[in-house]
Amino acid sequence: MMTITYPVKNGIYVNMTNRCPCACTFCLRQNSDSVYGSEPLWLDREPTVDEVCASIDKWDLTKYSEIVFCGYGEPTERLDDLLEVAKYIKSKSDIKIRINTNGLSDLIRGERTAPKLKGLIDTVSISLNATNKEDYFNTVRPKFGIDSYDAMLRFTKDCADYVPNVIMTVVDVVTSPEQQEQSRQICESLGATLRIRPFEE
């Protein structure tokens, strides 16, 4: 039985893929096969769009404030499918939709991806986790190399034109107070707001 959707606090989280172009030093996947008391999030295979929609239908969305594409992988690895699911959600509910992403979808897809989110995604939460490309490369370990940091910043700035709410996050265990203040300034320059995220064991 695959875990496609699972509740976290006031949201329903959607687990569509285990693929990810990064190997973050703090990634929860290295230590556990589940989060927040969920069933295991490693997928036997990637669920179809219909299977994802059917899994969402099992929940009473009036009891939750948002649906979050997150899970145990980078959701924009399946961006077209994700947006199909988002269209389905929007057709039946006014619940808010968020994507938690590493911000590298432009590199994954080889094209500008932020415009595709317009009208479907309410919030994009992008992992920042460093204030320069060298620290980012060493912490996030993206397969696309040292220039991944600049691509992530460009994607964030792009999102500000198409998505109502753009957030960047840093994990408290990999950033100092000084870095967190620098991160706040980076966010302001890109049209995003900063959230400092506690590391979950």
N, C-alpha and C. Protein backbone atom coordinates (compact mmCIF):
# COMPACT_ATOMS: atom_id res chain seq x y z
N MET A 1 0.85 -1.19 0.00
CA MET A 1 0.00 0.00 0.00
C MET A 1 0.89 1.25 0.00
N MET A 2 0.85 2.04 -1.07
CA MET A 2 1.68 3.23 -1.14
C MET A 2 1.02 4.38 -0.38
N THR A 3 1.85 5.21 0.26
CA THR A 3 1.35 6.42 0.90
C THR A 3 1.43 7.56 -0.10
N ILE A 4 0.28 7.91 -0.68
CA ILE A 4 0.23 8.99 -1.66
C ILE A 4 -0.11 10.32 -0.99
N THR A 5 -1.06 10.29 -0.05
CA THR A 5 -1.41 11.50 0.71
C THR A 5 -1.41 11.18 2.19
N TYR A 6 -1.09 12.19 2.99
CA TYR A 6 -1.04 11.99 4.45
C TYR A 6 -1.23 13.34 5.13
N PRO A 7 -1.82 13.34 6.34
CA PRO A 7 -2.07 14.62 7.02
C PRO A 7 -0.86 15.09 7.83
N VAL A 8 -0.61 16.38 7.80
CA VAL A 8 0.38 17.02 8.67
C VAL A 8 -0.26 18.30 9.20
N LYS A 9 -0.50 18.32 10.50
CA LYS A 9 -1.13 19.48 11.14
C LYS A 9 -2.43 19.82 10.41
N ASN A 10 -2.51 21.00 9.79
CA ASN A 10 -3.77 21.41 9.14
C ASN A 10 -3.71 21.26 7.62
N GLY A 11 -2.80 20.41 7.14
CA GLY A 11 -2.66 20.22 5.70
C GLY A 11 -2.69 18.76 5.29
N ILE A 12 -3.01 18.54 4.02
CA ILE A 12 -2.86 17.23 3.40
C ILE A 12 -1.64 17.30 2.48
N TYR A 13 -0.69 16.43 2.72
CA TYR A 13 0.54 16.41 1.94
C TYR A 13 0.45 15.35 0.84
N VAL A 14 1.01 15.68 -0.32
CA VAL A 14 0.91 14.82 -1.49
C VAL A 14 2.31 14.33 -1.87
N ASN A 15 2.46 13.01 -1.91
CA ASN A 15 3.73 12.34 -2.15
C ASN A 15 3.69 11.69 -3.54
N MET A 16 4.17 12.42 -4.57
CA MET A 16 4.03 11.95 -5.96
C MET A 16 5.28 11.31 -6.53
N THR A 17 6.44 11.57 -5.92
CA THR A 17 7.69 11.05 -6.46
C THR A 17 8.73 10.94 -5.36
N ASN A 18 9.68 10.04 -5.55
CA ASN A 18 10.85 9.97 -4.68
C ASN A 18 12.10 10.50 -5.37
N ARG A 19 11.93 10.97 -6.61
CA ARG A 19 13.08 11.50 -7.34
C ARG A 19 13.46 12.89 -6.79
N CYS A 20 14.75 13.15 -6.73
CA CYS A 20 15.23 14.47 -6.30
C CYS A 20 16.64 14.69 -6.83
N PRO A 21 16.95 15.89 -7.35
CA PRO A 21 18.28 16.15 -7.88
C PRO A 21 19.29 16.57 -6.80
N CYS A 22 18.86 16.56 -5.55
CA CYS A 22 19.74 16.99 -4.46
C CYS A 22 19.96 15.86 -3.45
N ALA A 23 21.00 16.04 -2.63
CA ALA A 23 21.29 15.10 -1.55
C ALA A 23 21.65 15.92 -0.32
N CYS A 24 20.68 16.68 0.19
CA CYS A 24 20.94 17.63 1.28
C CYS A 24 21.50 16.92 2.51
N THR A 25 22.46 17.58 3.15
CA THR A 25 23.10 16.98 4.32
C THR A 25 22.12 16.77 5.47
N PHE A 26 21.04 17.55 5.49
CA PHE A 26 20.07 17.48 6.59
C PHE A 26 18.80 16.74 6.20
N CYS A 27 18.78 16.10 5.03
CA CYS A 27 17.54 15.52 4.51
C CYS A 27 17.01 14.40 5.41
N LEU A 28 15.72 14.49 5.71
CA LEU A 28 15.07 13.49 6.56
C LEU A 28 15.11 12.10 5.95
N ARG A 29 15.19 12.01 4.65
CA ARG A 29 15.13 10.72 3.98
C ARG A 29 16.31 9.83 4.33
N GLN A 30 17.40 10.45 4.79
CA GLN A 30 18.59 9.67 5.11
C GLN A 30 18.45 8.91 6.41
N ASN A 31 17.49 9.31 7.23
CA ASN A 31 17.38 8.73 8.57
C ASN A 31 16.09 7.99 8.84
N SER A 32 15.10 8.14 7.96
CA SER A 32 13.78 7.58 8.25
C SER A 32 13.04 7.33 6.95
N ASP A 33 12.04 6.47 7.03
CA ASP A 33 11.22 6.25 5.83
C ASP A 33 9.86 6.91 5.95
N SER A 34 9.68 7.76 6.99
CA SER A 34 8.40 8.45 7.16
C SER A 34 8.62 9.73 7.96
N VAL A 35 7.60 10.60 7.99
CA VAL A 35 7.65 11.84 8.76
C VAL A 35 6.31 12.07 9.45
N TYR A 36 6.34 12.78 10.55
CA TYR A 36 5.12 13.20 11.25
C TYR A 36 4.16 12.04 11.49
N GLY A 37 4.70 10.86 11.73
CA GLY A 37 3.84 9.73 12.02
C GLY A 37 3.16 9.11 10.83
N SER A 38 3.60 9.48 9.61
CA SER A 38 2.98 8.93 8.40
C SER A 38 3.39 7.47 8.22
N GLU A 39 2.70 6.80 7.31
CA GLU A 39 3.17 5.51 6.83
C GLU A 39 4.43 5.75 6.00
N PRO A 40 5.20 4.71 5.69
CA PRO A 40 6.42 4.90 4.88
C PRO A 40 6.13 5.64 3.57
N LEU A 41 7.03 6.57 3.21
CA LEU A 41 6.83 7.43 2.05
C LEU A 41 7.65 7.01 0.82
N TRP A 42 8.40 5.93 0.96
CA TRP A 42 9.08 5.41 -0.23
C TRP A 42 8.04 4.73 -1.10
N LEU A 43 8.00 5.11 -2.36
CA LEU A 43 6.99 4.61 -3.29
C LEU A 43 7.48 3.37 -4.04
N ASP A 44 6.60 2.39 -4.22
CA ASP A 44 6.92 1.24 -5.07
C ASP A 44 7.05 1.66 -6.52
N ARG A 45 6.25 2.66 -6.89
CA ARG A 45 6.27 3.25 -8.22
C ARG A 45 5.59 4.61 -8.08
N GLU A 46 5.73 5.45 -9.08
CA GLU A 46 5.07 6.75 -9.01
C GLU A 46 3.59 6.59 -9.32
N PRO A 47 2.71 7.13 -8.47
CA PRO A 47 1.28 7.00 -8.71
C PRO A 47 0.84 7.80 -9.93
N THR A 48 -0.20 7.35 -10.59
CA THR A 48 -0.75 8.08 -11.73
C THR A 48 -1.51 9.31 -11.22
N VAL A 49 -1.79 10.23 -12.12
CA VAL A 49 -2.60 11.40 -11.77
C VAL A 49 -3.94 10.95 -11.20
N ASP A 50 -4.57 9.97 -11.82
CA ASP A 50 -5.87 9.48 -11.32
C ASP A 50 -5.75 8.91 -9.91
N GLU A 51 -4.67 8.20 -9.64
CA GLU A 51 -4.47 7.64 -8.31
C GLU A 51 -4.26 8.75 -7.27
N VAL A 52 -3.54 9.79 -7.65
CA VAL A 52 -3.33 10.91 -6.74
C VAL A 52 -4.66 11.60 -6.45
N CYS A 53 -5.43 11.86 -7.48
CA CYS A 53 -6.73 12.52 -7.30
C CYS A 53 -7.66 11.67 -6.44
N ALA A 54 -7.65 10.36 -6.66
CA ALA A 54 -8.48 9.45 -5.86
C ALA A 54 -8.06 9.47 -4.40
N SER A 55 -6.75 9.55 -4.16
CA SER A 55 -6.25 9.60 -2.78
C SER A 55 -6.67 10.90 -2.10
N ILE A 56 -6.63 12.01 -2.84
CA ILE A 56 -7.07 13.29 -2.29
C ILE A 56 -8.56 13.25 -1.96
N ASP A 57 -9.33 12.55 -2.81
CA ASP A 57 -10.78 12.47 -2.60
C ASP A 57 -11.17 11.77 -1.31
N LYS A 58 -10.24 11.03 -0.73
CA LYS A 58 -10.54 10.30 0.52
C LYS A 58 -10.62 11.24 1.72
N TRP A 59 -10.13 12.47 1.56
CA TRP A 59 -10.08 13.41 2.68
C TRP A 59 -11.23 14.42 2.59
N ASP A 60 -11.72 14.82 3.74
CA ASP A 60 -12.70 15.90 3.81
C ASP A 60 -11.92 17.21 3.83
N LEU A 61 -11.79 17.84 2.68
CA LEU A 61 -10.93 19.01 2.55
C LEU A 61 -11.43 20.21 3.34
N THR A 62 -12.70 20.19 3.74
CA THR A 62 -13.21 21.30 4.55
C THR A 62 -12.57 21.34 5.93
N LYS A 63 -11.92 20.26 6.32
CA LYS A 63 -11.27 20.19 7.63
C LYS A 63 -9.81 20.62 7.60
N TYR A 64 -9.32 20.99 6.42
CA TYR A 64 -7.91 21.34 6.27
C TYR A 64 -7.78 22.70 5.58
N SER A 65 -6.64 23.35 5.80
CA SER A 65 -6.46 24.69 5.24
C SER A 65 -5.63 24.70 3.96
N GLU A 66 -4.92 23.61 3.67
CA GLU A 66 -4.10 23.61 2.47
C GLU A 66 -3.75 22.19 2.04
N ILE A 67 -3.41 22.07 0.76
CA ILE A 67 -2.82 20.85 0.22
C ILE A 67 -1.39 21.19 -0.18
N VAL A 68 -0.45 20.34 0.23
CA VAL A 68 0.97 20.63 0.04
C VAL A 68 1.62 19.52 -0.79
N PHE A 69 2.17 19.88 -1.93
CA PHE A 69 2.96 18.93 -2.71
C PHE A 69 4.36 18.90 -2.10
N CYS A 70 4.68 17.77 -1.46
CA CYS A 70 5.95 17.68 -0.74
C CYS A 70 6.43 16.23 -0.80
N GLY A 71 6.12 15.42 0.20
CA GLY A 71 6.47 14.01 0.17
C GLY A 71 7.96 13.73 0.27
N TYR A 72 8.36 12.57 -0.25
CA TYR A 72 9.76 12.13 -0.16
C TYR A 72 10.46 12.26 -1.52
N GLY A 73 10.39 13.44 -2.08
CA GLY A 73 11.03 13.71 -3.35
C GLY A 73 10.75 15.14 -3.75
N GLU A 74 11.34 15.57 -4.85
CA GLU A 74 11.13 16.93 -5.35
C GLU A 74 9.89 16.93 -6.24
N PRO A 75 8.82 17.60 -5.82
CA PRO A 75 7.55 17.50 -6.55
C PRO A 75 7.62 18.01 -7.99
N THR A 76 8.51 18.97 -8.27
CA THR A 76 8.56 19.49 -9.64
C THR A 76 9.24 18.52 -10.60
N GLU A 77 9.75 17.39 -10.11
CA GLU A 77 10.18 16.32 -11.01
C GLU A 77 9.01 15.83 -11.85
N ARG A 78 7.78 16.04 -11.33
CA ARG A 78 6.56 15.66 -12.07
C ARG A 78 5.65 16.88 -12.23
N LEU A 79 6.22 17.96 -12.71
CA LEU A 79 5.50 19.24 -12.71
C LEU A 79 4.20 19.17 -13.51
N ASP A 80 4.22 18.59 -14.70
CA ASP A 80 3.01 18.53 -15.51
C ASP A 80 1.91 17.76 -14.78
N ASP A 81 2.28 16.62 -14.20
CA ASP A 81 1.30 15.82 -13.46
C ASP A 81 0.81 16.57 -12.22
N LEU A 82 1.73 17.23 -11.53
CA LEU A 82 1.36 18.03 -10.35
C LEU A 82 0.32 19.08 -10.73
N LEU A 83 0.53 19.75 -11.84
CA LEU A 83 -0.40 20.81 -12.25
C LEU A 83 -1.75 20.23 -12.68
N GLU A 84 -1.75 19.03 -13.23
CA GLU A 84 -3.02 18.37 -13.54
C GLU A 84 -3.80 18.10 -12.26
N VAL A 85 -3.10 17.63 -11.24
CA VAL A 85 -3.75 17.38 -9.95
C VAL A 85 -4.25 18.70 -9.35
N ALA A 86 -3.44 19.75 -9.46
CA ALA A 86 -3.84 21.05 -8.94
C ALA A 86 -5.11 21.55 -9.62
N LYS A 87 -5.20 21.35 -10.94
CA LYS A 87 -6.41 21.73 -11.67
C LYS A 87 -7.63 20.97 -11.14
N TYR A 88 -7.43 19.70 -10.87
CA TYR A 88 -8.52 18.87 -10.33
C TYR A 88 -8.96 19.39 -8.97
N ILE A 89 -7.99 19.71 -8.12
CA ILE A 89 -8.31 20.23 -6.79
C ILE A 89 -9.09 21.54 -6.91
N LYS A 90 -8.61 22.44 -7.77
CA LYS A 90 -9.26 23.74 -7.94
C LYS A 90 -10.69 23.59 -8.48
N SER A 91 -10.95 22.52 -9.24
CA SER A 91 -12.28 22.33 -9.82
C SER A 91 -13.32 21.92 -8.78
N LYS A 92 -12.83 21.46 -7.61
CA LYS A 92 -13.78 20.95 -6.62
C LYS A 92 -13.66 21.63 -5.25
N SER A 93 -12.67 22.48 -5.06
CA SER A 93 -12.45 23.06 -3.73
C SER A 93 -11.73 24.39 -3.86
N ASP A 94 -11.89 25.25 -2.85
CA ASP A 94 -11.14 26.51 -2.83
C ASP A 94 -9.98 26.42 -1.83
N ILE A 95 -9.62 25.20 -1.44
CA ILE A 95 -8.50 25.00 -0.53
C ILE A 95 -7.22 25.54 -1.18
N LYS A 96 -6.33 26.09 -0.36
CA LYS A 96 -5.07 26.64 -0.86
C LYS A 96 -4.12 25.50 -1.23
N ILE A 97 -3.29 25.74 -2.25
CA ILE A 97 -2.34 24.74 -2.73
C ILE A 97 -0.92 25.30 -2.63
N ARG A 98 -0.04 24.52 -2.02
CA ARG A 98 1.37 24.92 -1.84
C ARG A 98 2.29 23.87 -2.43
N ILE A 99 3.40 24.32 -2.97
CA ILE A 99 4.48 23.42 -3.38
C ILE A 99 5.68 23.69 -2.48
N ASN A 100 6.22 22.65 -1.86
CA ASN A 100 7.51 22.73 -1.18
C ASN A 100 8.57 22.22 -2.14
N THR A 101 9.51 23.07 -2.51
CA THR A 101 10.44 22.73 -3.58
C THR A 101 11.87 23.18 -3.29
N ASN A 102 12.82 22.54 -3.95
CA ASN A 102 14.21 23.00 -3.87
C ASN A 102 14.47 24.14 -4.84
N GLY A 103 13.48 24.48 -5.66
CA GLY A 103 13.63 25.62 -6.55
C GLY A 103 14.44 25.37 -7.80
N LEU A 104 14.70 24.10 -8.10
CA LEU A 104 15.55 23.78 -9.25
C LEU A 104 14.74 23.27 -10.45
N SER A 105 13.46 23.56 -10.48
CA SER A 105 12.62 23.02 -11.55
C SER A 105 13.03 23.53 -12.93
N ASP A 106 13.57 24.74 -13.01
CA ASP A 106 14.03 25.23 -14.32
C ASP A 106 15.16 24.36 -14.86
N LEU A 107 16.03 23.89 -13.96
CA LEU A 107 17.13 23.02 -14.38
C LEU A 107 16.62 21.61 -14.67
N ILE A 108 15.68 21.15 -13.88
CA ILE A 108 15.09 19.83 -14.10
C ILE A 108 14.42 19.78 -15.47
N ARG A 109 13.72 20.85 -15.80
CA ARG A 109 12.91 20.87 -17.01
C ARG A 109 13.60 21.49 -18.23
N GLY A 110 14.63 22.28 -17.98
CA GLY A 110 15.29 22.95 -19.09
C GLY A 110 14.48 24.10 -19.66
N GLU A 111 13.64 24.71 -18.82
CA GLU A 111 12.79 25.83 -19.26
C GLU A 111 12.34 26.63 -18.04
N ARG A 112 11.81 27.81 -18.29
CA ARG A 112 11.22 28.60 -17.20
C ARG A 112 9.92 27.92 -16.77
N THR A 113 9.81 27.67 -15.50
CA THR A 113 8.64 26.92 -15.02
C THR A 113 7.67 27.77 -14.19
N ALA A 114 8.10 28.88 -13.65
CA ALA A 114 7.22 29.68 -12.79
C ALA A 114 5.93 30.10 -13.50
N PRO A 115 5.97 30.49 -14.79
CA PRO A 115 4.71 30.90 -15.44
C PRO A 115 3.64 29.81 -15.44
N LYS A 116 4.06 28.55 -15.39
CA LYS A 116 3.11 27.43 -15.41
C LYS A 116 2.27 27.37 -14.12
N LEU A 117 2.77 28.00 -13.06
CA LEU A 117 2.11 27.91 -11.76
C LEU A 117 0.95 28.88 -11.61
N LYS A 118 0.88 29.87 -12.49
CA LYS A 118 -0.10 30.95 -12.36
C LYS A 118 -1.53 30.41 -12.33
N GLY A 119 -2.29 30.84 -11.34
CA GLY A 119 -3.69 30.48 -11.23
C GLY A 119 -3.95 29.12 -10.61
N LEU A 120 -2.88 28.34 -10.40
CA LEU A 120 -3.05 26.99 -9.84
C LEU A 120 -2.40 26.84 -8.47
N ILE A 121 -1.28 27.53 -8.27
CA ILE A 121 -0.53 27.39 -7.02
C ILE A 121 -0.63 28.69 -6.22
N ASP A 122 -1.00 28.56 -4.95
CA ASP A 122 -1.17 29.74 -4.08
C ASP A 122 0.11 30.12 -3.35
N THR A 123 0.91 29.12 -3.01
CA THR A 123 2.16 29.37 -2.29
C THR A 123 3.25 28.46 -2.83
N VAL A 124 4.43 29.04 -3.03
CA VAL A 124 5.63 28.24 -3.31
C VAL A 124 6.60 28.47 -2.17
N SER A 125 7.05 27.37 -1.57
CA SER A 125 8.04 27.44 -0.49
C SER A 125 9.33 26.83 -1.00
N ILE A 126 10.38 27.65 -1.09
CA ILE A 126 11.64 27.27 -1.72
C ILE A 126 12.73 27.16 -0.67
N SER A 127 13.49 26.07 -0.72
CA SER A 127 14.58 25.86 0.23
C SER A 127 15.78 26.71 -0.17
N LEU A 128 16.17 27.63 0.72
CA LEU A 128 17.33 28.50 0.47
C LEU A 128 18.57 27.87 1.11
N ASN A 129 18.61 27.86 2.43
CA ASN A 129 19.61 27.11 3.21
C ASN A 129 21.06 27.50 3.03
N ALA A 130 21.33 28.60 2.35
CA ALA A 130 22.69 29.10 2.23
C ALA A 130 22.64 30.51 1.68
N THR A 131 23.70 31.27 1.92
CA THR A 131 23.73 32.66 1.46
C THR A 131 24.73 32.87 0.33
N ASN A 132 25.36 31.79 -0.13
CA ASN A 132 26.25 31.88 -1.29
C ASN A 132 26.30 30.53 -1.98
N LYS A 133 26.76 30.53 -3.21
CA LYS A 133 26.68 29.30 -4.03
C LYS A 133 27.59 28.19 -3.53
N GLU A 134 28.73 28.55 -2.90
CA GLU A 134 29.63 27.51 -2.40
C GLU A 134 29.02 26.77 -1.22
N ASP A 135 28.49 27.52 -0.25
CA ASP A 135 27.84 26.86 0.90
C ASP A 135 26.63 26.06 0.45
N TYR A 136 25.89 26.61 -0.50
CA TYR A 136 24.71 25.91 -1.02
C TYR A 136 25.13 24.58 -1.65
N PHE A 137 26.15 24.62 -2.47
CA PHE A 137 26.61 23.41 -3.14
C PHE A 137 27.03 22.34 -2.13
N ASN A 138 27.73 22.77 -1.08
CA ASN A 138 28.22 21.81 -0.08
C ASN A 138 27.12 21.28 0.83
N THR A 139 26.05 22.08 1.03
CA THR A 139 24.96 21.67 1.92
C THR A 139 23.88 20.91 1.18
N VAL A 140 23.53 21.38 0.00
CA VAL A 140 22.41 20.82 -0.75
C VAL A 140 22.88 19.71 -1.71
N ARG A 141 24.10 19.81 -2.18
CA ARG A 141 24.73 18.82 -3.06
C ARG A 141 23.88 18.51 -4.30
N PRO A 142 23.53 19.57 -5.07
CA PRO A 142 22.70 19.37 -6.26
C PRO A 142 23.48 18.73 -7.40
N LYS A 143 22.82 17.89 -8.15
CA LYS A 143 23.51 17.20 -9.26
C LYS A 143 23.83 18.15 -10.41
N PHE A 144 23.18 19.32 -10.42
CA PHE A 144 23.40 20.28 -11.51
C PHE A 144 24.64 21.14 -11.30
N GLY A 145 25.31 21.02 -10.14
CA GLY A 145 26.56 21.72 -9.93
C GLY A 145 26.45 23.06 -9.24
N ILE A 146 27.54 23.79 -9.24
CA ILE A 146 27.71 24.99 -8.44
C ILE A 146 26.74 26.11 -8.84
N ASP A 147 26.30 26.13 -10.09
CA ASP A 147 25.42 27.21 -10.55
C ASP A 147 23.95 26.98 -10.18
N SER A 148 23.67 25.87 -9.48
CA SER A 148 22.30 25.58 -9.06
C SER A 148 21.75 26.69 -8.16
N TYR A 149 22.61 27.27 -7.35
CA TYR A 149 22.18 28.33 -6.42
C TYR A 149 21.58 29.51 -7.17
N ASP A 150 22.29 29.96 -8.22
CA ASP A 150 21.80 31.10 -9.00
C ASP A 150 20.48 30.76 -9.70
N ALA A 151 20.36 29.52 -10.17
CA ALA A 151 19.12 29.09 -10.82
C ALA A 151 17.96 29.10 -9.83
N MET A 152 18.22 28.68 -8.61
CA MET A 152 17.19 28.68 -7.56
C MET A 152 16.74 30.10 -7.24
N LEU A 153 17.69 31.04 -7.18
CA LEU A 153 17.34 32.44 -6.92
C LEU A 153 16.52 33.03 -8.07
N ARG A 154 16.88 32.70 -9.30
CA ARG A 154 16.13 33.20 -10.45
C ARG A 154 14.70 32.66 -10.44
N PHE A 155 14.57 31.39 -10.12
CA PHE A 155 13.24 30.78 -10.05
C PHE A 155 12.39 31.48 -8.98
N THR A 156 12.99 31.77 -7.85
CA THR A 156 12.27 32.45 -6.76
C THR A 156 11.77 33.82 -7.22
N LYS A 157 12.65 34.59 -7.83
CA LYS A 157 12.27 35.92 -8.32
C LYS A 157 11.17 35.81 -9.37
N ASP A 158 11.27 34.81 -10.22
CA ASP A 158 10.27 34.55 -11.25
C ASP A 158 8.91 34.24 -10.61
N CYS A 159 8.93 33.41 -9.58
CA CYS A 159 7.68 33.00 -8.92
C CYS A 159 6.92 34.20 -8.37
N ALA A 160 7.66 35.20 -7.92
CA ALA A 160 7.01 36.37 -7.33
C ALA A 160 6.07 37.06 -8.34
N ASP A 161 6.27 36.83 -9.63
CA ASP A 161 5.41 37.42 -10.65
C ASP A 161 4.16 36.59 -10.94
N TYR A 162 4.15 35.33 -10.50
CA TYR A 162 3.07 34.42 -10.90
C TYR A 162 2.33 33.76 -9.75
N VAL A 163 2.91 33.79 -8.56
CA VAL A 163 2.34 33.08 -7.40
C VAL A 163 2.09 34.10 -6.29
N PRO A 164 0.90 34.08 -5.67
CA PRO A 164 0.57 35.09 -4.65
C PRO A 164 1.52 35.13 -3.47
N ASN A 165 2.01 33.97 -3.03
CA ASN A 165 2.79 33.90 -1.80
C ASN A 165 4.07 33.10 -2.06
N VAL A 166 5.21 33.76 -1.95
CA VAL A 166 6.49 33.09 -2.18
C VAL A 166 7.31 33.14 -0.89
N ILE A 167 7.68 31.97 -0.42
CA ILE A 167 8.42 31.82 0.84
C ILE A 167 9.77 31.17 0.54
N MET A 168 10.80 31.57 1.26
CA MET A 168 12.06 30.84 1.24
C MET A 168 12.32 30.35 2.66
N THR A 169 12.87 29.16 2.77
CA THR A 169 13.11 28.59 4.09
C THR A 169 14.59 28.29 4.29
N VAL A 170 15.01 28.42 5.53
CA VAL A 170 16.32 27.92 5.96
C VAL A 170 16.10 27.03 7.16
N VAL A 171 16.88 25.97 7.25
CA VAL A 171 16.80 25.07 8.39
C VAL A 171 17.73 25.59 9.48
N ASP A 172 17.22 25.64 10.71
CA ASP A 172 17.99 26.30 11.78
C ASP A 172 19.35 25.65 12.04
N VAL A 173 19.46 24.32 11.84
CA VAL A 173 20.72 23.65 12.17
C VAL A 173 21.83 23.90 11.16
N VAL A 174 21.49 24.42 9.99
CA VAL A 174 22.54 24.65 8.98
C VAL A 174 22.79 26.14 8.75
N THR A 175 22.17 26.99 9.57
CA THR A 175 22.38 28.44 9.41
C THR A 175 22.60 29.09 10.76
N SER A 176 23.53 30.04 10.80
CA SER A 176 23.77 30.83 11.99
C SER A 176 22.81 32.02 12.01
N PRO A 177 22.69 32.71 13.17
CA PRO A 177 21.85 33.92 13.19
C PRO A 177 22.27 34.94 12.14
N GLU A 178 23.57 35.07 11.91
CA GLU A 178 24.05 36.02 10.90
C GLU A 178 23.59 35.58 9.49
N GLN A 179 23.70 34.30 9.23
CA GLN A 179 23.26 33.78 7.92
C GLN A 179 21.75 33.93 7.75
N GLN A 180 21.03 33.78 8.85
CA GLN A 180 19.58 33.94 8.78
C GLN A 180 19.21 35.38 8.45
N GLU A 181 19.94 36.33 8.98
CA GLU A 181 19.68 37.74 8.66
C GLU A 181 20.05 38.02 7.20
N GLN A 182 21.16 37.45 6.74
CA GLN A 182 21.52 37.58 5.32
C GLN A 182 20.43 36.96 4.45
N SER A 183 19.91 35.84 4.88
CA SER A 183 18.86 35.14 4.13
C SER A 183 17.62 36.01 4.03
N ARG A 184 17.32 36.72 5.11
CA ARG A 184 16.16 37.61 5.10
C ARG A 184 16.33 38.71 4.05
N GLN A 185 17.54 39.23 3.96
CA GLN A 185 17.82 40.28 2.96
C GLN A 185 17.72 39.74 1.53
N ILE A 186 18.20 38.51 1.34
CA ILE A 186 18.09 37.87 0.02
C ILE A 186 16.62 37.72 -0.36
N CYS A 187 15.82 37.26 0.60
CA CYS A 187 14.39 37.08 0.34
C CYS A 187 13.73 38.39 -0.06
N GLU A 188 14.02 39.45 0.66
CA GLU A 188 13.42 40.75 0.37
C GLU A 188 13.78 41.21 -1.04
N SER A 189 15.00 40.93 -1.46
CA SER A 189 15.44 41.37 -2.79
C SER A 189 14.74 40.60 -3.90
N LEU A 190 14.19 39.42 -3.56
CA LEU A 190 13.56 38.56 -4.57
C LEU A 190 12.04 38.60 -4.52
N GLY A 191 11.48 39.33 -3.55
CA GLY A 191 10.03 39.37 -3.42
C GLY A 191 9.46 38.21 -2.63
N ALA A 192 10.30 37.61 -1.79
CA ALA A 192 9.87 36.47 -0.97
C ALA A 192 9.96 36.82 0.50
N THR A 193 9.34 35.99 1.33
CA THR A 193 9.48 36.14 2.78
C THR A 193 10.22 34.93 3.34
N LEU A 194 10.95 35.14 4.43
CA LEU A 194 11.77 34.08 5.01
C LEU A 194 11.04 33.35 6.12
N ARG A 195 11.18 32.03 6.12
CA ARG A 195 10.73 31.23 7.25
C ARG A 195 11.90 30.38 7.73
N ILE A 196 12.21 30.49 9.01
CA ILE A 196 13.28 29.68 9.60
C ILE A 196 12.63 28.39 10.11
N ARG A 197 13.06 27.27 9.55
CA ARG A 197 12.41 26.00 9.79
C ARG A 197 13.20 25.18 10.81
N PRO A 198 12.54 24.70 11.86
CA PRO A 198 13.27 23.84 12.81
C PRO A 198 13.58 22.50 12.17
N PHE A 199 14.75 21.99 12.47
CA PHE A 199 15.13 20.68 11.96
C PHE A 199 14.31 19.61 12.66
N GLU A 200 13.69 18.73 11.88
CA GLU A 200 12.90 17.64 12.44
C GLU A 200 13.75 16.39 12.49
N GLU A 201 13.94 15.85 13.69
CA GLU A 201 14.73 14.62 13.81
C GLU A 201 13.99 13.47 13.14
